[in-house]
C-alpha atoms as a PDB file:
ATOM      1  CA  TYR A   1       0.000   0.000   0.000  1.00  0.00           C
ATOM      2  CA  MET A   2       1.793   3.159   1.287  1.00  0.00           C
ATOM      3  CA  ALA A   3       0.366   6.001  -0.765  1.00  0.00           C
ATOM      4  CA  ASN A   4       3.112   8.174  -2.238  1.00  0.00           C
ATOM      5  CA  THR A   5       5.977   6.082  -0.859  1.00  0.00           C
ATOM      6  CA  LYS A   6       7.954   6.860  -3.984  1.00  0.00           C
ATOM      7  CA  SER A   7       8.772  10.356  -2.767  1.00  0.00           C
ATOM      8  CA  LYS A   8       8.078  10.538   0.970  1.00  0.00           C
ATOM      9  CA  ALA A   9       8.238   7.183   2.764  1.00  0.00           C
ATOM     10  CA  TRP A  10      11.623   5.945   3.913  1.00  0.00           C
ATOM     11  CA  SER A  11      12.782   2.768   5.607  1.00  0.00           C
ATOM     12  CA  TYR A  12      15.949   1.065   6.815  1.00  0.00           C
ATOM     13  CA  VAL A  13      17.197  -1.689   4.513  1.00  0.00           C
ATOM     14  CA  ASP A  14      19.995  -4.193   5.191  1.00  0.00           C
ATOM     15  CA  VAL A  15      22.469  -3.987   2.321  1.00  0.00           C
ATOM     16  CA  PRO A  16      25.307  -6.553   2.415  1.00  0.00           C
ATOM     17  CA  GLY A  17      28.611  -4.756   2.869  1.00  0.00           C
ATOM     18  CA  LYS A  18      26.963  -1.392   3.558  1.00  0.00           C
ATOM     19  CA  GLY A  19      24.926  -1.982   6.701  1.00  0.00           C
ATOM     20  CA  HIS A  20      21.561  -0.394   7.434  1.00  0.00           C
ATOM     21  CA  VAL A  21      20.873   2.084   4.670  1.00  0.00           C
ATOM     22  CA  VAL A  22      17.938   4.494   4.472  1.00  0.00           C
ATOM     23  CA  MET A  23      16.201   3.848   1.179  1.00  0.00           C
ATOM     24  CA  ALA A  24      12.892   4.732  -0.463  1.00  0.00           C
ATOM     25  CA  PRO A  25      10.906   1.596  -1.365  1.00  0.00           C
ATOM     26  CA  GLU A  26       9.587   3.360  -4.499  1.00  0.00           C
ATOM     27  CA  CYS A  27       6.205   1.640  -4.433  1.00  0.00           C
ATOM     28  CA  GLU A  28       3.299   3.005  -6.443  1.00  0.00           C
ATOM     29  CA  LYS A  29      -0.184   3.232  -4.941  1.00  0.00           C
ATOM     30  CA  GLN A  30      -2.037  -0.087  -4.859  1.00  0.00           C
ATOM     31  CA  LYS A  31      -4.842   0.445  -7.371  1.00  0.00           C
ATOM     32  CA  LEU A  32      -6.279  -3.061  -7.301  1.00  0.00           C
ATOM     33  CA  ALA A  33     -10.086  -2.890  -7.170  1.00  0.00           C
ATOM     34  CA  GLU A  34     -12.576  -5.700  -6.602  1.00  0.00           C
ATOM     35  CA  PRO A  35     -14.919  -5.629  -8.452  1.00  0.00           C
ATOM     36  CA  VAL A  36     -13.219  -3.756 -11.274  1.00  0.00           C
ATOM     37  CA  GLY A  37     -14.165  -0.083 -11.238  1.00  0.00           C
ATOM     38  CA  SER A  38     -14.869   0.035  -7.510  1.00  0.00           C
ATOM     39  CA  GLU A  39     -12.861   1.917  -4.899  1.00  0.00           C
ATOM     40  CA  PRO A  40      -9.150   0.999  -5.178  1.00  0.00           C
ATOM     41  CA  THR A  41      -7.316  -0.700  -2.325  1.00  0.00           C
ATOM     42  CA  TYR A  42      -5.177   2.289  -1.359  1.00  0.00           C
ATOM     43  CA  LYS A  43      -8.277   4.429  -0.840  1.00  0.00           C
ATOM     44  CA  ILE A  44      -9.771   1.867   1.519  1.00  0.00           C
ATOM     45  CA  PHE A  45      -6.511   1.791   3.504  1.00  0.00           C
ATOM     46  CA  GLU A  46      -6.498   5.576   3.763  1.00  0.00           C
ATOM     47  CA  GLU A  47     -10.099   5.644   4.978  1.00  0.00           C
ATOM     48  CA  TYR A  48      -9.447   3.046   7.659  1.00  0.00           C
ATOM     49  CA  ALA A  49      -6.201   4.776   8.701  1.00  0.00           C
ATOM     50  CA  ALA A  50      -8.131   8.023   9.188  1.00  0.00           C
ATOM     51  CA  ASP A  51     -11.049   6.405  11.029  1.00  0.00           C
ATOM     52  CA  GLN A  52     -10.149   3.338  13.068  1.00  0.00           C
ATOM     53  CA  THR A  53     -13.690   3.115  14.435  1.00  0.00           C
ATOM     54  CA  ALA A  54     -14.941   2.560  10.886  1.00  0.00           C
ATOM     55  CA  TRP A  55     -12.367  -0.209  10.463  1.00  0.00           C
ATOM     56  CA  LEU A  56     -13.404  -1.903  13.699  1.00  0.00           C
ATOM     57  CA  ASP A  57     -17.119  -1.702  12.809  1.00  0.00           C
ATOM     58  CA  ASP A  58     -16.558  -3.271   9.369  1.00  0.00           C
ATOM     59  CA  PHE A  59     -14.162  -5.876  10.730  1.00  0.00           C
ATOM     60  CA  THR A  60     -16.635  -6.934  13.427  1.00  0.00           C
ATOM     61  CA  ASP A  61     -19.427  -7.398  10.876  1.00  0.00           C
ATOM     62  CA  ALA A  62     -17.199  -9.362   8.525  1.00  0.00           C
ATOM     63  CA  PHE A  63     -15.783 -11.529  11.319  1.00  0.00           C
ATOM     64  CA  GLU A  64     -19.222 -12.376  12.720  1.00  0.00           C
ATOM     65  CA  LYS A  65     -20.432 -13.303   9.234  1.00  0.00           C
ATOM     66  CA  MET A  66     -17.432 -15.544   8.728  1.00  0.00           C
ATOM     67  CA  MET A  67     -18.054 -17.277  12.063  1.00  0.00           C
ATOM     68  CA  ARG A  68     -21.751 -17.806  11.236  1.00  0.00           C
ATOM     69  CA  ASN A  69     -20.952 -19.274   7.824  1.00  0.00           C
ATOM     70  CA  GLY A  70     -18.444 -21.723   9.212  1.00  0.00           C
ATOM     71  CA  TYR A  71     -17.250 -24.385   6.792  1.00  0.00           C
ATOM     72  CA  GLN A  72     -18.411 -27.715   5.445  1.00  0.00           C
ATOM     73  CA  GLU A  73     -16.688 -30.958   6.376  1.00  0.00           C
ATOM     74  CA  THR A  74     -16.519 -31.678   2.650  1.00  0.00           C
ATOM     75  CA  ASN A  75     -14.025 -28.831   2.292  1.00  0.00           C
ATOM     76  CA  HIS A  76     -11.425 -31.184   3.772  1.00  0.00           C
ATOM     77  CA  LEU A  77      -9.538 -28.551   5.740  1.00  0.00           C
ATOM     78  CA  GLN A  78      -6.011 -29.624   6.627  1.00  0.00           C
ATOM     79  CA  ASP A  79      -3.525 -28.356   9.171  1.00  0.00           C
ATOM     80  CA  GLY A  80      -1.011 -25.957   7.704  1.00  0.00           C
ATOM     81  CA  PRO A  81       2.748 -26.446   8.072  1.00  0.00           C
ATOM     82  CA  ASP A  82       4.290 -25.978  11.513  1.00  0.00           C
ATOM     83  CA  VAL A  83       6.055 -22.611  11.415  1.00  0.00           C
ATOM     84  CA  HIS A  84       6.024 -21.956  15.168  1.00  0.00           C
ATOM     85  CA  THR A  85       8.012 -24.733  16.860  1.00  0.00           C
ATOM     86  CA  ASN A  86      11.336 -23.386  18.155  1.00  0.00           C
ATOM     87  CA  VAL A  87      10.593 -19.979  16.632  1.00  0.00           C
ATOM     88  CA  ASP A  88      10.970 -16.890  18.799  1.00  0.00           C
ATOM     89  CA  CYS A  89       9.845 -13.388  17.813  1.00  0.00           C
ATOM     90  CA  ASP A  90      10.900 -10.241  19.661  1.00  0.00           C
ATOM     91  CA  ILE A  91       8.537  -7.309  20.095  1.00  0.00           C
ATOM     92  CA  GLN A  92       9.430  -4.582  17.604  1.00  0.00           C
ATOM     93  CA  ASP A  93      10.750  -1.256  18.883  1.00  0.00           C
ATOM     94  CA  ILE A  94       9.489   1.278  16.332  1.00  0.00           C
ATOM     95  CA  LYS A  95      11.053   4.283  18.069  1.00  0.00           C
ATOM     96  CA  ARG A  96      14.515   2.786  17.725  1.00  0.00           C
ATOM     97  CA  HIS A  97      13.906   1.487  14.188  1.00  0.00           C
ATOM     98  CA  SER A  98      14.342  -1.995  15.621  1.00  0.00           C
ATOM     99  CA  THR A  99      14.817  -4.789  13.123  1.00  0.00           C
ATOM    100  CA  ASN A 100      14.688  -7.516  15.724  1.00  0.00           C
ATOM    101  CA  GLY A 101      12.474 -10.188  14.209  1.00  0.00           C
ATOM    102  CA  CYS A 102      11.831 -13.899  14.314  1.00  0.00           C
ATOM    103  CA  TYR A 103      14.491 -16.591  14.407  1.00  0.00           C
ATOM    104  CA  ILE A 104      14.776 -20.343  14.869  1.00  0.00           C
ATOM    105  CA  LYS A 105      16.103 -21.111  18.327  1.00  0.00           C
ATOM    106  CA  ASP A 106      19.078 -23.420  18.619  1.00  0.00           C
ATOM    107  CA  ASP A 107      19.377 -25.861  21.515  1.00  0.00           C
ATOM    108  CA  VAL A 108      21.886 -25.396  24.321  1.00  0.00           C
ATOM    109  CA  ALA A 109      23.763 -28.394  25.720  1.00  0.00           C
ATOM    110  CA  ALA A 110      23.206 -29.017  29.431  1.00  0.00           C
ATOM    111  CA  ASP A 111      26.948 -28.805  30.093  1.00  0.00           C
ATOM    112  CA  SER A 112      27.550 -25.694  27.963  1.00  0.00           C
ATOM    113  CA  PRO A 113      29.873 -23.328  29.900  1.00  0.00           C
ATOM    114  CA  LYS A 114      28.383 -20.086  31.237  1.00  0.00           C
ATOM    115  CA  PHE A 115      30.099 -16.749  30.763  1.00  0.00           C
ATOM    116  CA  LEU A 116      29.739 -12.975  30.684  1.00  0.00           C
ATOM    117  CA  LEU A 117      30.200 -11.068  27.422  1.00  0.00           C
ATOM    118  CA  ALA A 118      32.324  -7.927  27.702  1.00  0.00           C
ATOM    119  CA  SER A 119      33.745  -5.278  25.366  1.00  0.00           C
ATOM    120  CA  LYS A 120      37.304  -4.033  24.881  1.00  0.00           C
ATOM    121  CA  HIS A 121      36.053  -0.442  24.633  1.00  0.00           C
ATOM    122  CA  LYS A 122      37.425   1.518  27.607  1.00  0.00           C
ATOM    123  CA  LYS A 123      34.132   3.362  28.119  1.00  0.00           C
ATOM    124  CA  LEU A 124      32.378   0.011  28.615  1.00  0.00           C
ATOM    125  CA  LYS A 125      34.807  -1.182  31.275  1.00  0.00           C
ATOM    126  CA  GLY A 126      32.958  -2.729  34.209  1.00  0.00           C
ATOM    127  CA  LYS A 127      29.907  -3.360  32.008  1.00  0.00           C
ATOM    128  CA  VAL A 128      28.715  -6.504  30.258  1.00  0.00           C
ATOM    129  CA  PHE A 129      26.202  -7.430  27.602  1.00  0.00           C
ATOM    130  CA  GLU A 130      22.818  -8.082  29.153  1.00  0.00           C
ATOM    131  CA  TYR A 131      19.148  -8.610  28.421  1.00  0.00           C
ATOM    132  CA  ASN A 132      17.363  -5.712  30.121  1.00  0.00           C
ATOM    133  CA  LEU A 133      14.355  -7.270  31.816  1.00  0.00           C
ATOM    134  CA  ASP A 134      12.610  -3.895  32.124  1.00  0.00           C
ATOM    135  CA  THR A 135      12.887  -2.775  28.510  1.00  0.00           C
ATOM    136  CA  GLY A 136      13.159  -6.156  26.807  1.00  0.00           C
ATOM    137  CA  SER A 137      16.242  -5.006  24.897  1.00  0.00           C
ATOM    138  CA  TYR A 138      19.902  -5.983  24.634  1.00  0.00           C
ATOM    139  CA  GLY A 139      22.696  -3.653  25.654  1.00  0.00           C
ATOM    140  CA  PHE A 140      25.471  -3.034  28.156  1.00  0.00           C
ATOM    141  CA  GLY A 141      24.807  -2.740  31.878  1.00  0.00           C
ATOM    142  CA  LYS A 142      26.961  -2.523  34.975  1.00  0.00           C
ATOM    143  CA  GLN A 143      28.280  -5.939  35.901  1.00  0.00           C
ATOM    144  CA  ALA A 144      26.141  -7.254  38.729  1.00  0.00           C
ATOM    145  CA  ASN A 145      27.554  -8.552  42.005  1.00  0.00           C
ATOM    146  CA  PRO A 146      26.428 -11.197  42.745  1.00  0.00           C
ATOM    147  CA  GLN A 147      26.092 -12.338  39.166  1.00  0.00           C
ATOM    148  CA  ALA A 148      22.676 -11.966  37.542  1.00  0.00           C
ATOM    149  CA  ASP A 149      21.200 -14.487  35.117  1.00  0.00           C
ATOM    150  CA  ASN A 150      20.207 -11.770  32.621  1.00  0.00           C
ATOM    151  CA  GLN A 151      23.945 -11.059  32.151  1.00  0.00           C
ATOM    152  CA  ILE A 152      24.971 -14.697  31.792  1.00  0.00           C
ATOM    153  CA  TRP A 153      25.240 -16.382  28.395  1.00  0.00           C
ATOM    154  CA  GLN A 154      25.778 -19.831  26.924  1.00  0.00           C
ATOM    155  CA  LEU A 155      26.694 -20.807  23.380  1.00  0.00           C
ATOM    156  CA  SER A 156      24.159 -22.913  21.507  1.00  0.00           C
ATOM    157  CA  LYS A 157      25.059 -26.307  20.070  1.00  0.00           C
ATOM    158  CA  SER A 158      25.780 -24.742  16.675  1.00  0.00           C
ATOM    159  CA  GLY A 159      28.169 -22.269  18.325  1.00  0.00           C
ATOM    160  CA  GLN A 160      26.395 -19.423  16.549  1.00  0.00           C
ATOM    161  CA  GLN A 161      23.831 -18.196  19.094  1.00  0.00           C
ATOM    162  CA  PHE A 162      24.490 -16.527  22.455  1.00  0.00           C
ATOM    163  CA  VAL A 163      21.618 -17.680  24.657  1.00  0.00           C
ATOM    164  CA  ASN A 164      20.665 -15.665  27.718  1.00  0.00           C
ATOM    165  CA  VAL A 165      20.299 -17.777  30.868  1.00  0.00           C
ATOM    166  CA  ALA A 166      17.477 -15.660  32.331  1.00  0.00           C
ATOM    167  CA  THR A 167      15.219 -15.725  29.290  1.00  0.00           C
ATOM    168  CA  GLY A 168      16.372 -18.530  27.006  1.00  0.00           C
ATOM    169  CA  LYS A 169      16.415 -15.952  24.201  1.00  0.00           C
ATOM    170  CA  SER A 170      19.285 -15.512  21.782  1.00  0.00           C
ATOM    171  CA  LEU A 171      21.268 -12.279  21.604  1.00  0.00           C
ATOM    172  CA  SER A 172      19.762 -10.162  18.841  1.00  0.00           C
ATOM    173  CA  VAL A 173      21.517  -7.186  17.264  1.00  0.00           C
ATOM    174  CA  GLN A 174      19.527  -5.428  14.542  1.00  0.00           C
ATOM    175  CA  GLY A 175      17.838  -8.646  13.476  1.00  0.00           C
ATOM    176  CA  SER A 176      20.983 -10.781  13.673  1.00  0.00           C
ATOM    177  CA  THR A 177      20.863 -13.757  16.046  1.00  0.00           C
ATOM    178  CA  ASN A 178      23.426 -16.090  14.473  1.00  0.00           C
ATOM    179  CA  PHE A 179      27.058 -15.046  14.584  1.00  0.00           C
ATOM    180  CA  GLU A 180      30.396 -16.328  13.385  1.00  0.00           C
ATOM    181  CA  ILE A 181      33.028 -15.916  16.104  1.00  0.00           C
ATOM    182  CA  GLU A 182      36.344 -14.667  14.677  1.00  0.00           C
ATOM    183  CA  GLU A 183      39.009 -15.263  17.330  1.00  0.00           C
ATOM    184  CA  LYS A 184      41.876 -12.739  17.550  1.00  0.00           C
ATOM    185  CA  GLY A 185      44.122 -13.517  20.513  1.00  0.00           C
ATOM    186  CA  ASP A 186      42.468 -12.290  23.708  1.00  0.00           C
ATOM    187  CA  TYR A 187      39.354 -10.986  21.954  1.00  0.00           C
ATOM    188  CA  PHE A 188      37.014 -11.861  19.083  1.00  0.00           C
ATOM    189  CA  PHE A 189      34.748 -10.263  16.506  1.00  0.00           C
ATOM    190  CA  LEU A 190      31.112 -11.229  16.008  1.00  0.00           C
ATOM    191  CA  LYS A 191      30.188 -11.468  12.331  1.00  0.00           C
ATOM    192  CA  SER A 192      26.474 -11.599  11.547  1.00  0.00           C
ATOM    193  CA  LYS A 193      25.393 -14.622   9.497  1.00  0.00           C
ATOM    194  CA  PHE A 194      22.412 -12.508   8.423  1.00  0.00           C
ATOM    195  CA  ASN A 195      24.092  -9.580   6.684  1.00  0.00           C
ATOM    196  CA  GLY A 196      27.832 -10.263   6.876  1.00  0.00           C
ATOM    197  CA  LEU A 197      28.409  -7.215   9.095  1.00  0.00           C
ATOM    198  CA  TYR A 198      29.997  -7.043  12.560  1.00  0.00           C
ATOM    199  CA  VAL A 199      28.540  -6.249  15.966  1.00  0.00           C
ATOM    200  CA  ASP A 200      29.638  -2.710  16.841  1.00  0.00           C
ATOM    201  CA  CYS A 201      28.974  -1.043  20.207  1.00  0.00           C
ATOM    202  CA  LYS A 202      30.324   2.439  19.496  1.00  0.00           C
ATOM    203  CA  MET A 203      26.969   4.086  20.182  1.00  0.00           C
ATOM    204  CA  ALA A 204      26.514   2.062  23.370  1.00  0.00           C
ATOM    205  CA  ALA A 205      29.876   3.393  24.595  1.00  0.00           C
ATOM    206  CA  LYS A 206      28.874   6.974  23.807  1.00  0.00           C
ATOM    207  CA  LYS A 207      25.436   7.005  25.406  1.00  0.00           C
ATOM    208  CA  GLN A 208      24.036   4.919  28.242  1.00  0.00           C
ATOM    209  CA  GLY A 209      21.150   2.751  27.062  1.00  0.00           C
ATOM    210  CA  SER A 210      21.991   2.969  23.372  1.00  0.00           C
ATOM    211  CA  PRO A 211      21.919  -0.403  21.585  1.00  0.00           C
ATOM    212  CA  CYS A 212      24.743  -2.013  19.661  1.00  0.00           C
ATOM    213  CA  ARG A 213      24.421  -2.384  15.900  1.00  0.00           C
ATOM    214  CA  THR A 214      25.939  -4.265  12.981  1.00  0.00           C
ATOM    215  CA  TRP A 215      28.444  -2.378  10.877  1.00  0.00           C
ATOM    216  CA  ASN A 216      31.297  -2.766   8.444  1.00  0.00           C
ATOM    217  CA  ARG A 217      34.378  -4.298  10.011  1.00  0.00           C
ATOM    218  CA  ASN A 218      36.903  -1.680  11.072  1.00  0.00           C
ATOM    219  CA  GLY A 219      38.826  -3.651  13.701  1.00  0.00           C
ATOM    220  CA  GLY A 220      38.218  -0.991  16.363  1.00  0.00           C
ATOM    221  CA  VAL A 221      37.696  -1.601  20.075  1.00  0.00           C
ATOM    222  CA  SER A 222      33.925  -1.121  19.691  1.00  0.00           C
ATOM    223  CA  GLN A 223      33.904  -4.374  17.688  1.00  0.00           C
ATOM    224  CA  ARG A 224      36.148  -6.354  20.029  1.00  0.00           C
ATOM    225  CA  PHE A 225      34.617  -8.643  22.640  1.00  0.00           C
ATOM    226  CA  TYR A 226      35.829 -11.184  25.170  1.00  0.00           C
ATOM    227  CA  ARG A 227      34.382 -13.790  27.495  1.00  0.00           C
ATOM    228  CA  ILE A 228      34.524 -13.762  31.282  1.00  0.00           C
ATOM    229  CA  ASP A 229      34.140 -17.403  32.296  1.00  0.00           C
ATOM    230  CA  ILE A 230      32.180 -18.107  35.468  1.00  0.00           C
END
């Protein structure tokens, strides 16, 4: 839909090798009409967007009609494919242009070592990667004493997901949940399997509460991480 997106609507797009780029989708108005000659789809969307009560009234009528009609056993309805087992979906954060989405969860071995995930950036000293239980987001927080489960991680069986002990959720950075660990002496880089970019916490070091992102590899301290075994 999106009336006039060609000139005014913008969105963030993952471009391999370039990161998150602001691009216009360049979509024309959706002029499909059923029956032919009736009000086009984009007009209906605009009307409902302007008057949500009208949308709710029409939806209620249509839903009740659908429920009354039901279906005949002769239609031979079948279960659709299972697309939910082991799938986890994070709530979207529109204000932060969050691209956290759905991913297939990997299992964690019972004897998988537990550790804290820290950064080599000097401004993040004394802080570790955590899942913020209040905001439902990932970022750096002051290392807890005694240790807190929301700051403790385990590697999944594939070795590509960092699973939080408190929630069972995988670390997600701008939609990336599977990472290739590139070891470099006493630290490592995290390369996204989703877009080929690297986890970068420069903004998190600059401003408290800011999330990390994926970015082109530059080898800087904001892209260097290390484990604290516990």
